[in-house]
Amino acid sequence: MGGLGIRELLVILVIALVIFGTKKLRTIGGDLGAAIGEFKKSMNAGEKDAEQKPLPQITGKDAEFAAADKQPAKPEQKSNV
């Protein structure tokens, strides 16, 4: 239960064929394939850029804040007011 089987996919394909027609369905399929290919290409390029770029070094006051973030937080004391 819950998955798409062969029958369901065929019904969807037939409905799409009736609604759009053969020429429009080919165009939609080609455009969708090109869009997926472009998406994969840009994702791979983003991964390569992330691997090649070194992380910037933190200096000055930013380094003090970063060091303070790494120290364990002190528990707050409750006031008896």
Protein backbone atom coordinates (compact mmCIF):
# COMPACT_ATOMS: atom_id res chain seq x y z
CA MET A 1 0.00 0.00 0.00
CA GLY A 2 1.08 3.55 -0.63
CA GLY A 3 3.42 3.00 -3.59
CA LEU A 4 2.92 3.68 -7.26
CA GLY A 5 2.71 0.49 -9.25
CA ILE A 6 2.74 -0.14 -12.99
CA ARG A 7 -1.05 0.26 -13.28
CA GLU A 8 -1.05 3.64 -11.56
CA LEU A 9 1.80 4.92 -13.72
CA LEU A 10 0.02 3.77 -16.89
CA VAL A 11 -3.20 5.51 -15.83
CA ILE A 12 -1.27 8.72 -15.16
CA LEU A 13 0.47 8.44 -18.54
CA VAL A 14 -2.82 7.90 -20.39
CA ILE A 15 -4.47 10.86 -18.64
CA ALA A 16 -1.46 13.08 -19.46
CA LEU A 17 -1.57 11.88 -23.08
CA VAL A 18 -5.26 12.73 -23.37
CA ILE A 19 -4.84 16.15 -21.76
CA PHE A 20 -1.67 17.33 -23.52
CA GLY A 21 -1.41 15.30 -26.72
CA THR A 22 1.64 13.53 -28.11
CA LYS A 23 3.60 16.55 -29.39
CA LYS A 24 3.11 18.62 -26.26
CA LEU A 25 3.94 15.62 -24.04
CA ARG A 26 7.24 15.13 -25.89
CA THR A 27 8.07 18.80 -25.43
CA ILE A 28 7.21 18.68 -21.73
CA GLY A 29 9.34 15.54 -21.27
CA GLY A 30 12.31 17.09 -23.06
CA ASP A 31 12.07 20.30 -21.05
CA LEU A 32 11.76 18.37 -17.81
CA GLY A 33 14.81 16.25 -18.68
CA ALA A 34 16.84 19.36 -19.54
CA ALA A 35 15.81 21.02 -16.27
CA ILE A 36 16.82 17.97 -14.23
CA GLY A 37 20.15 17.80 -16.06
CA GLU A 38 20.85 21.49 -15.40
CA PHE A 39 19.94 21.03 -11.74
CA LYS A 40 22.35 18.10 -11.36
CA LYS A 41 25.08 20.05 -13.15
CA SER A 42 24.70 23.04 -10.83
CA MET A 43 24.61 20.81 -7.74
CA ASN A 44 27.86 19.11 -8.79
CA ALA A 45 29.48 22.49 -9.47
CA GLY A 46 28.44 23.68 -6.01
CA GLU A 47 29.97 20.61 -4.37
CA LYS A 48 33.25 21.12 -6.26
CA ASP A 49 33.38 24.79 -5.21
CA ALA A 50 32.78 23.85 -1.57
CA GLU A 51 35.62 21.30 -1.67
CA GLN A 52 38.11 23.72 -3.25
CA LYS A 53 37.56 26.81 -1.08
CA PRO A 54 39.42 26.87 2.26
CA LEU A 55 37.59 28.20 5.28
CA PRO A 56 38.54 31.77 6.25
CA GLN A 57 40.58 32.31 9.41
CA ILE A 58 38.86 34.20 12.21
CA THR A 59 40.91 37.03 13.69
CA GLY A 60 40.45 39.93 16.07
CA LYS A 61 37.28 40.33 18.11
CA ASP A 62 35.50 37.68 16.07
CA ALA A 63 38.07 35.15 17.30
CA GLU A 64 37.33 36.12 20.91
CA PHE A 65 33.60 35.57 20.35
CA ALA A 66 34.26 32.22 18.65
CA ALA A 67 36.46 31.11 21.55
CA ALA A 68 33.80 32.18 24.05
CA ASP A 69 31.20 30.10 22.17
CA LYS A 70 33.35 26.97 22.55
CA GLN A 71 33.56 27.29 26.35
CA PRO A 72 30.84 25.51 28.33
CA ALA A 73 28.08 27.78 29.52
CA LYS A 74 27.90 28.57 33.22
CA PRO A 75 24.63 27.57 34.88
CA GLU A 76 22.54 30.52 35.92
CA GLN A 77 21.66 30.85 39.58
CA LYS A 78 18.07 31.40 40.54
CA SER A 79 17.28 34.42 42.64
CA ASN A 80 15.06 34.10 45.69
CA VAL A 81 13.05 37.26 45.10
